[in-house]
Amino acid sequence: MHWQRVLTCLGLMALPAAAQLPPLRLPEGVGVNIHFVTGHEADLDRLAAAGFKFVRMDFTWEAIERRRGEYDWSGYDALTANLERRGLRALYILDYSHRLYEDAVQTTNPITGRPETNVASPRKPESVEAFARWAAAAAARYAGRGVVWEIWNEPNIFFWRPHPNVDDYVRLARTTLQAMRQADPRATVVAPAVSGFDPPFMERFLASGLLAQLDGVSVHPYRHRRPPETAEPEYRRLREQIERHAPSERRGRIPIVSSEWGYSTDGQDVSLETQAAYLARQQLFNLWMGVPLSIWYDWKNDGPDPHEREHNFGTVYPDLTPKPAYHAVQTLTRELAGYAIAERLPMERSQDWVLVLTNQTGETKLAAWTLEPPWAVTLVVEGPQPPDGWRLVEGTGQTRRLEPDQNRLRLELEAMPRYISLGRGRVRR
């Protein structure tokens, strides 16, 4: 059975409106990480012009609660307003700990391996309650503004200090969820934003009963050099875990959210061209897997060193000069705006992807690529042909017309997706 049909059976093709997660339609769920709060309006202009619709950003506890019980929302008020002016929605990460409530602990820097001192993650009853009060106040303040809230970031690795502890994280998430639901019953909340898929951590988390209150389960499917499509078995396993632990009335109605996932162009991970192809394919593959919201990491390179991995995940350079990835996402969001995936065509080679997308007016487009070396396939298209032939748009944005050969479409597949407009034509299966 095709995965898209599985999703239909599970009820994931039409998410509950109350959850305020985007539908499985481009470009509503195309998002990107940023690393700023105030200013940077040129970044936001360029980001919106690329077709991104969501921005993910840390919503930092210590930056807001300067004194116990006193909250300064001014920075995030400005960011939220700046996003709204550009038609962007926020995914805010409720993080991290707070020295006013927790103790200093010894940890190890994950990059240098050197010992350092940090604040423990919320584990004392007082700090857990304080975190939940702050999160509830945030939910109330931004109620009705389309914010998706995420509880913490990667608690299964070094972001949970001094060491990952699923039971401590579940305690924080449960207390926070209860407080947020009281403050805004319609708040959209996802968790746990794990690094990778981490089945053992997820098993404990999903068995905790929190699926009764969560709107989505968030993961970070990083795989470095491996292409996006290799995440399919892991998505399937996570879907099975969710369905096994979900309350009966919510089975088939809890989506997976890909809230952070990217590839670095540091020379060790992927090339500029491969990063661009993977960005477009990640978005399309996630939609095919029933993932309504996909956050690319990240918006721009975080530093000038071309060989430092953490400096090179962006779609643009620090001066906002576009990388090929920028043009790839801009082409994707422009060419497929208003389209949803109807099916994946069965192909001779399993590594070839030809997705059929349709819009509400009955028009059809194809998104096609391959994980193998480039080669050509031939498809039979039934129905009326557009007067000037089929239109093909390269992933980089260049457009050309394809001359019809009767009703046969010869299509060259390569790593970067290509988009073909068939008008009201249909591919014969």
Protein backbone atom coordinates (compact mmCIF):
# COMPACT_ATOMS: atom_id res chain seq x y z
CA MET A 1 0.00 0.00 0.00
CA HIS A 2 1.33 3.46 -0.89
CA TRP A 3 2.26 5.53 2.16
CA GLN A 4 -0.08 8.32 1.04
CA ARG A 5 -2.97 5.87 1.18
CA VAL A 6 -1.84 4.73 4.61
CA LEU A 7 -1.97 8.34 5.77
CA THR A 8 -5.48 8.71 4.41
CA CYS A 9 -6.55 5.64 6.35
CA LEU A 10 -4.96 7.04 9.48
CA GLY A 11 -6.77 10.34 9.09
CA LEU A 12 -3.59 12.38 8.72
CA MET A 13 -4.53 13.91 5.38
CA ALA A 14 -6.90 16.31 7.17
CA LEU A 15 -5.41 17.48 10.43
CA PRO A 16 -7.80 18.85 13.06
CA ALA A 17 -8.29 22.58 12.59
CA ALA A 18 -7.85 23.23 16.30
CA ALA A 19 -4.24 22.07 16.09
CA GLN A 20 -3.35 24.96 13.73
CA LEU A 21 -0.68 22.90 12.03
CA PRO A 22 -0.50 23.51 8.28
CA PRO A 23 -2.22 21.22 5.79
CA LEU A 24 -0.21 18.84 3.60
CA ARG A 25 -0.02 21.47 0.87
CA LEU A 26 2.82 23.61 -0.42
CA PRO A 27 4.16 25.98 0.72
CA GLU A 28 2.25 26.27 4.02
CA GLY A 29 4.55 23.99 6.02
CA VAL A 30 7.91 25.12 4.58
CA GLY A 31 9.96 26.59 7.44
CA VAL A 32 13.47 27.62 8.43
CA ASN A 33 15.50 28.22 11.62
CA ILE A 34 16.79 31.67 12.51
CA HIS A 35 19.13 32.92 15.26
CA PHE A 36 17.93 36.44 16.03
CA VAL A 37 15.04 38.18 17.79
CA THR A 38 15.07 41.91 17.10
CA GLY A 39 16.14 43.73 13.94
CA HIS A 40 17.36 41.76 10.93
CA GLU A 41 14.42 42.91 8.85
CA ALA A 42 16.42 42.47 5.66
CA ASP A 43 16.80 38.80 6.62
CA LEU A 44 13.05 38.47 7.08
CA ASP A 45 12.34 40.18 3.77
CA ARG A 46 14.68 37.86 1.90
CA LEU A 47 13.40 34.84 3.83
CA ALA A 48 9.78 35.62 2.98
CA ALA A 49 10.74 36.17 -0.67
CA ALA A 50 12.08 32.61 -0.76
CA GLY A 51 8.60 31.32 0.08
CA PHE A 52 9.23 30.17 3.64
CA LYS A 53 6.05 30.29 5.74
CA PHE A 54 7.36 29.32 9.19
CA VAL A 55 10.29 30.54 11.27
CA ARG A 56 11.67 28.50 14.16
CA MET A 57 13.50 30.35 16.90
CA ASP A 58 14.54 29.86 20.52
CA PHE A 59 12.06 31.41 22.96
CA THR A 60 14.57 31.82 25.75
CA TRP A 61 13.42 31.69 29.39
CA GLU A 62 16.35 33.65 30.84
CA ALA A 63 15.97 36.39 28.22
CA ILE A 64 12.35 36.99 29.26
CA GLU A 65 12.19 36.42 33.01
CA ARG A 66 14.86 38.82 34.24
CA ARG A 67 13.53 38.81 37.83
CA ARG A 68 11.43 36.12 39.45
CA GLY A 69 7.89 36.39 38.18
CA GLU A 70 8.58 39.43 35.96
CA TYR A 71 8.50 38.91 32.21
CA ASP A 72 9.89 41.19 29.51
CA TRP A 73 8.21 40.19 26.24
CA SER A 74 9.40 43.17 24.21
CA GLY A 75 11.91 41.33 22.00
CA TYR A 76 9.50 38.56 21.06
CA ASP A 77 6.63 41.00 20.65
CA ALA A 78 8.75 42.72 18.01
CA LEU A 79 9.76 39.47 16.32
CA THR A 80 6.19 38.15 16.25
CA ALA A 81 4.94 41.41 14.73
CA ASN A 82 7.75 41.38 12.15
CA LEU A 83 6.84 37.84 11.15
CA GLU A 84 3.16 38.63 10.88
CA ARG A 85 3.82 41.59 8.61
CA ARG A 86 5.46 39.21 6.15
CA GLY A 87 2.89 36.45 6.35
CA LEU A 88 5.18 34.24 8.44
CA ARG A 89 4.26 32.08 11.43
CA ALA A 90 6.46 31.28 14.42
CA LEU A 91 7.53 27.98 15.86
CA TYR A 92 8.93 29.07 19.23
CA ILE A 93 11.12 26.69 21.23
CA LEU A 94 10.46 26.93 24.97
CA ASP A 95 14.03 26.68 26.28
CA TYR A 96 16.38 26.54 28.25
CA SER A 97 17.02 26.57 32.00
CA HIS A 98 17.41 29.50 34.43
CA ARG A 99 20.08 30.33 36.99
CA LEU A 100 17.43 31.94 39.21
CA TYR A 101 15.89 28.50 39.78
CA GLU A 102 18.50 25.81 39.09
CA ASP A 103 22.01 24.94 40.24
CA ALA A 104 25.27 25.14 38.33
CA VAL A 105 26.56 21.74 37.18
CA GLN A 106 29.69 20.44 35.52
CA THR A 107 29.26 19.38 31.91
CA THR A 108 31.46 18.58 28.91
CA ASN A 109 31.51 20.80 25.86
CA PRO A 110 30.26 18.59 22.99
CA ILE A 111 32.59 20.20 20.44
CA THR A 112 35.84 20.76 22.35
CA GLY A 113 35.42 17.97 24.89
CA ARG A 114 36.52 20.33 27.66
CA PRO A 115 34.78 20.55 31.03
CA GLU A 116 32.61 23.60 31.62
CA THR A 117 29.99 24.91 34.02
CA ASN A 118 26.35 25.26 32.97
CA VAL A 119 22.94 25.55 34.59
CA ALA A 120 21.12 22.28 35.18
CA SER A 121 17.95 21.68 33.20
CA PRO A 122 14.72 22.11 35.21
CA ARG A 123 14.49 19.21 37.61
CA LYS A 124 13.77 20.77 40.99
CA PRO A 125 10.02 21.08 41.68
CA GLU A 126 10.41 24.84 42.03
CA SER A 127 12.18 25.26 38.68
CA VAL A 128 9.76 22.94 36.86
CA GLU A 129 6.82 24.97 38.17
CA ALA A 130 8.54 28.25 37.28
CA PHE A 131 9.22 27.05 33.72
CA ALA A 132 5.58 25.98 33.36
CA ARG A 133 4.28 29.32 34.68
CA TRP A 134 6.44 31.19 32.19
CA ALA A 135 5.34 28.93 29.31
CA ALA A 136 1.69 29.40 30.27
CA ALA A 137 2.13 33.18 30.39
CA ALA A 138 3.68 33.01 26.90
CA ALA A 139 0.81 30.90 25.58
CA ALA A 140 -1.70 33.39 26.94
CA ARG A 141 0.15 36.42 25.58
CA TYR A 142 0.44 35.08 22.02
CA ALA A 143 -2.88 33.22 21.91
CA GLY A 144 -4.61 33.38 18.54
CA ARG A 145 -1.50 34.45 16.63
CA GLY A 146 -0.68 31.15 14.96
CA VAL A 147 2.33 30.27 17.11
CA VAL A 148 3.41 26.64 17.34
CA TRP A 149 5.12 25.94 20.67
CA GLU A 150 7.83 23.32 21.11
CA ILE A 151 8.90 22.12 24.55
CA TRP A 152 12.69 22.16 24.69
CA ASN A 153 15.28 21.32 22.06
CA GLU A 154 16.96 17.91 21.76
CA PRO A 155 16.56 16.76 25.38
CA ASN A 156 18.07 13.39 24.43
CA ILE A 157 21.56 14.87 24.01
CA PHE A 158 23.74 17.51 25.69
CA PHE A 159 21.03 20.19 25.68
CA TRP A 160 19.63 18.45 28.76
CA ARG A 161 22.10 19.05 31.57
CA PRO A 162 24.03 17.59 33.16
CA HIS A 163 22.97 14.42 31.29
CA PRO A 164 19.91 13.40 29.24
CA ASN A 165 17.16 12.05 31.49
CA VAL A 166 13.88 11.12 29.83
CA ASP A 167 11.98 10.95 33.12
CA ASP A 168 13.03 14.47 34.10
CA TYR A 169 12.09 15.72 30.64
CA VAL A 170 8.68 14.04 30.78
CA ARG A 171 8.03 15.64 34.16
CA LEU A 172 8.83 19.08 32.73
CA ALA A 173 6.77 18.49 29.57
CA ARG A 174 3.73 17.24 31.49
CA THR A 175 3.71 20.14 33.94
CA THR A 176 4.26 22.64 31.12
CA LEU A 177 1.53 21.17 28.92
CA GLN A 178 -1.01 21.27 31.74
CA ALA A 179 -0.21 24.91 32.49
CA MET A 180 -0.33 25.93 28.83
CA ARG A 181 -3.66 24.19 28.26
CA GLN A 182 -5.15 26.11 31.18
CA ALA A 183 -3.80 29.40 29.82
CA ASP A 184 -4.84 28.77 26.21
CA PRO A 185 -6.79 25.56 25.51
CA ARG A 186 -6.25 26.06 21.76
CA ALA A 187 -2.47 26.45 21.95
CA THR A 188 -0.58 24.28 19.45
CA VAL A 189 2.15 22.36 21.27
CA VAL A 190 4.64 19.80 19.94
CA ALA A 191 7.45 17.85 21.58
CA PRO A 192 10.03 16.43 22.28
CA ALA A 193 12.26 17.72 19.43
CA VAL A 194 14.69 14.83 19.78
CA SER A 195 17.99 14.70 17.95
CA GLY A 196 17.53 12.00 15.32
CA PHE A 197 14.69 9.58 16.04
CA ASP A 198 16.14 7.88 19.17
CA PRO A 199 13.63 5.00 19.45
CA PRO A 200 14.47 4.12 23.12
CA PHE A 201 14.00 7.74 24.26
CA MET A 202 10.84 8.07 22.18
CA GLU A 203 9.41 4.83 23.54
CA ARG A 204 9.67 6.10 27.11
CA PHE A 205 8.37 9.52 26.12
CA LEU A 206 5.40 8.25 24.11
CA ALA A 207 4.45 5.76 26.82
CA SER A 208 4.14 8.61 29.35
CA GLY A 209 0.59 9.51 28.36
CA LEU A 210 1.54 12.91 26.94
CA LEU A 211 0.06 12.04 23.53
CA ALA A 212 -3.34 12.78 25.03
CA GLN A 213 -2.43 16.48 25.06
CA LEU A 214 0.18 16.99 22.33
CA ASP A 215 -0.68 18.30 18.86
CA GLY A 216 2.37 16.73 17.23
CA VAL A 217 5.54 14.71 17.83
CA SER A 218 8.67 16.58 16.73
CA VAL A 219 11.97 15.04 15.63
CA HIS A 220 15.23 16.19 14.01
CA PRO A 221 16.01 13.64 11.29
CA TYR A 222 19.63 14.71 10.60
CA ARG A 223 21.63 12.22 8.53
CA HIS A 224 24.61 14.26 7.34
CA ARG A 225 25.63 12.89 3.93
CA ARG A 226 22.73 10.46 3.57
CA PRO A 227 19.88 11.75 1.38
CA PRO A 228 16.52 12.71 2.91
CA GLU A 229 14.68 9.70 1.50
CA THR A 230 16.72 7.35 3.71
CA ALA A 231 14.60 8.51 6.68
CA GLU A 232 11.60 6.49 5.51
CA PRO A 233 12.18 3.43 7.76
CA GLU A 234 12.70 5.67 10.77
CA TYR A 235 9.51 7.62 10.07
CA ARG A 236 7.63 4.34 9.73
CA ARG A 237 8.97 3.08 13.04
CA LEU A 238 8.08 6.32 14.80
CA ARG A 239 4.58 6.25 13.30
CA GLU A 240 4.14 2.73 14.68
CA GLN A 241 5.31 3.87 18.12
CA ILE A 242 2.90 6.82 18.10
CA GLU A 243 -0.08 4.72 17.05
CA ARG A 244 0.70 2.10 19.68
CA HIS A 245 0.77 4.64 22.50
CA ALA A 246 -1.86 7.13 21.34
CA PRO A 247 -5.24 7.18 23.12
CA SER A 248 -7.81 5.36 21.02
CA GLU A 249 -9.65 8.56 20.12
CA ARG A 250 -6.43 10.15 18.83
CA ARG A 251 -5.00 7.30 16.78
CA GLY A 252 -4.25 8.45 13.28
CA ARG A 253 -4.55 12.10 14.26
CA ILE A 254 -1.16 12.96 15.76
CA PRO A 255 1.24 14.18 13.06
CA ILE A 256 5.00 14.02 13.05
CA VAL A 257 6.77 17.38 12.75
CA SER A 258 10.28 17.71 11.32
CA SER A 259 11.33 20.73 13.36
CA GLU A 260 15.04 20.81 12.48
CA TRP A 261 16.98 19.17 9.66
CA GLY A 262 19.70 20.41 7.35
CA TYR A 263 23.01 19.70 5.63
CA SER A 264 26.26 21.63 5.95
CA THR A 265 28.34 22.78 2.97
CA ASP A 266 31.62 22.67 4.91
CA GLY A 267 33.31 20.40 2.39
CA GLN A 268 32.87 17.34 4.57
CA ASP A 269 29.08 16.99 4.51
CA VAL A 270 27.62 17.94 1.10
CA SER A 271 28.37 20.24 -1.82
CA LEU A 272 26.46 23.45 -2.48
CA GLU A 273 24.54 21.76 -5.31
CA THR A 274 23.71 18.70 -3.21
CA GLN A 275 22.51 20.88 -0.33
CA ALA A 276 20.15 22.64 -2.73
CA ALA A 277 18.78 19.36 -4.07
CA TYR A 278 18.38 17.93 -0.56
CA LEU A 279 16.48 21.00 0.66
CA ALA A 280 13.83 20.62 -2.04
CA ARG A 281 13.71 16.85 -1.69
CA GLN A 282 13.46 17.04 2.11
CA GLN A 283 10.33 19.18 1.85
CA LEU A 284 8.72 16.95 -0.78
CA PHE A 285 9.71 13.71 0.92
CA ASN A 286 8.39 14.90 4.27
CA LEU A 287 5.05 15.80 2.71
CA TRP A 288 4.92 12.37 1.12
CA MET A 289 5.49 10.86 4.57
CA GLY A 290 2.62 12.88 6.02
CA VAL A 291 4.79 15.48 7.79
CA PRO A 292 2.92 18.81 7.60
CA LEU A 293 5.67 21.09 8.92
CA SER A 294 9.35 20.89 7.95
CA ILE A 295 11.93 23.30 9.34
CA TRP A 296 15.18 23.59 7.40
CA TYR A 297 18.34 24.27 9.43
CA ASP A 298 19.18 26.93 8.86
CA TRP A 299 18.48 30.36 7.32
CA LYS A 300 22.01 31.69 6.88
CA ASN A 301 25.56 30.59 7.50
CA ASP A 302 26.44 31.21 11.14
CA GLY A 303 30.05 32.15 10.56
CA PRO A 304 32.74 32.90 7.96
CA ASP A 305 34.83 29.70 8.14
CA PRO A 306 34.05 27.62 5.03
CA HIS A 307 35.45 24.50 6.72
CA GLU A 308 33.60 24.77 10.06
CA ARG A 309 30.56 22.52 9.97
CA GLU A 310 28.35 24.67 12.17
CA HIS A 311 29.06 27.75 10.04
CA ASN A 312 27.68 26.35 6.77
CA PHE A 313 24.10 25.10 7.13
CA GLY A 314 22.49 28.25 5.69
CA THR A 315 20.57 28.94 2.51
CA VAL A 316 22.39 32.28 2.24
CA TYR A 317 25.80 33.58 3.26
CA PRO A 318 26.19 35.96 6.23
CA ASP A 319 25.85 38.96 3.89
CA LEU A 320 22.58 37.45 2.55
CA THR A 321 24.06 36.47 -0.81
CA PRO A 322 22.02 33.44 -1.91
CA LYS A 323 23.48 29.96 -2.01
CA PRO A 324 22.02 27.48 -4.52
CA ALA A 325 19.77 26.20 -1.72
CA TYR A 326 18.01 29.57 -1.61
CA HIS A 327 17.10 29.37 -5.29
CA ALA A 328 16.01 25.75 -4.85
CA VAL A 329 13.50 26.52 -2.12
CA GLN A 330 12.28 29.63 -3.93
CA THR A 331 11.63 27.59 -7.07
CA LEU A 332 9.90 24.84 -5.08
CA THR A 333 7.56 27.19 -3.23
CA ARG A 334 6.73 29.21 -6.34
CA GLU A 335 6.14 26.35 -8.75
CA LEU A 336 4.16 24.12 -6.38
CA ALA A 337 2.19 26.78 -4.49
CA GLY A 338 -1.30 25.46 -3.81
CA TYR A 339 -0.42 21.88 -4.75
CA ALA A 340 -0.64 18.75 -2.60
CA ILE A 341 0.84 15.32 -3.30
CA ALA A 342 -1.72 12.92 -4.77
CA GLU A 343 0.53 9.92 -5.33
CA ARG A 344 4.01 8.63 -6.03
CA LEU A 345 4.18 6.87 -9.37
CA PRO A 346 5.56 3.32 -9.39
CA MET A 347 8.80 3.40 -11.35
CA GLU A 348 11.15 0.79 -12.77
CA ARG A 349 13.86 1.79 -10.28
CA SER A 350 12.87 2.22 -6.63
CA GLN A 351 15.31 5.12 -6.27
CA ASP A 352 13.42 7.18 -8.85
CA TRP A 353 10.84 9.58 -7.47
CA VAL A 354 7.99 10.96 -9.55
CA LEU A 355 5.35 12.65 -7.40
CA VAL A 356 1.99 13.66 -8.83
CA LEU A 357 0.63 16.87 -7.30
CA THR A 358 -2.77 18.46 -7.87
CA ASN A 359 -4.41 21.71 -6.87
CA GLN A 360 -8.02 22.65 -6.13
CA THR A 361 -8.71 23.62 -9.74
CA GLY A 362 -7.82 20.14 -11.01
CA GLU A 363 -4.45 20.95 -12.53
CA THR A 364 -1.54 18.52 -12.30
CA LYS A 365 2.18 18.96 -11.81
CA LEU A 366 4.99 16.46 -11.41
CA ALA A 367 8.02 16.71 -9.13
CA ALA A 368 10.67 14.26 -10.31
CA TRP A 369 14.20 13.29 -9.29
CA THR A 370 16.43 10.28 -8.73
CA LEU A 371 18.88 9.05 -6.11
CA GLU A 372 20.76 7.17 -8.84
CA PRO A 373 22.92 8.59 -11.68
CA PRO A 374 20.84 10.66 -14.11
CA TRP A 375 18.78 8.83 -16.68
CA ALA A 376 15.59 9.28 -18.70
CA VAL A 377 12.13 7.78 -18.22
CA THR A 378 9.09 7.94 -20.43
CA LEU A 379 5.60 8.60 -19.09
CA VAL A 380 2.27 8.39 -20.89
CA VAL A 381 0.08 11.44 -20.31
CA GLU A 382 -3.64 11.28 -21.01
CA GLY A 383 -6.01 14.19 -21.44
CA PRO A 384 -5.70 17.61 -23.03
CA GLN A 385 -2.29 19.09 -23.59
CA PRO A 386 -1.68 22.77 -22.90
CA PRO A 387 -1.68 24.74 -26.21
CA ASP A 388 2.04 25.52 -25.92
CA GLY A 389 3.09 22.13 -24.60
CA TRP A 390 4.20 20.91 -21.24
CA ARG A 391 6.33 23.29 -19.18
CA LEU A 392 9.41 22.07 -17.29
CA VAL A 393 11.05 24.14 -14.57
CA GLU A 394 14.51 23.18 -13.38
CA GLY A 395 15.12 23.18 -9.64
CA THR A 396 17.28 26.24 -10.17
CA GLY A 397 14.39 28.14 -11.75
CA GLN A 398 15.12 27.95 -15.50
CA THR A 399 12.07 27.18 -17.63
CA ARG A 400 11.70 25.38 -20.94
CA ARG A 401 8.94 23.81 -22.98
CA LEU A 402 8.74 20.10 -23.70
CA GLU A 403 7.60 19.15 -27.16
CA PRO A 404 4.84 16.53 -26.98
CA ASP A 405 5.51 13.25 -28.79
CA GLN A 406 1.91 12.09 -29.17
CA ASN A 407 1.05 11.57 -25.51
CA ARG A 408 4.50 10.47 -24.41
CA LEU A 409 6.60 12.56 -22.03
CA ARG A 410 10.34 11.86 -22.00
CA LEU A 411 11.68 13.05 -18.67
CA GLU A 412 15.30 13.20 -17.58
CA LEU A 413 15.77 12.52 -13.87
CA GLU A 414 18.67 13.90 -11.86
CA ALA A 415 19.44 14.74 -8.22
CA MET A 416 17.69 18.11 -8.24
CA PRO A 417 13.90 17.91 -8.54
CA ARG A 418 12.30 19.15 -11.75
CA TYR A 419 8.73 20.39 -11.93
CA ILE A 420 6.53 19.66 -14.94
CA SER A 421 3.17 21.36 -15.56
CA LEU A 422 0.69 19.05 -17.29
CA GLY A 423 -2.36 21.30 -17.11
CA ARG A 424 -5.34 18.97 -16.92
CA GLY A 425 -3.38 16.01 -18.20
CA ARG A 426 -3.01 12.83 -16.16
CA VAL A 427 -0.19 10.29 -16.09
CA ARG A 428 -1.31 6.81 -17.03
CA ARG A 429 -0.17 4.35 -14.37
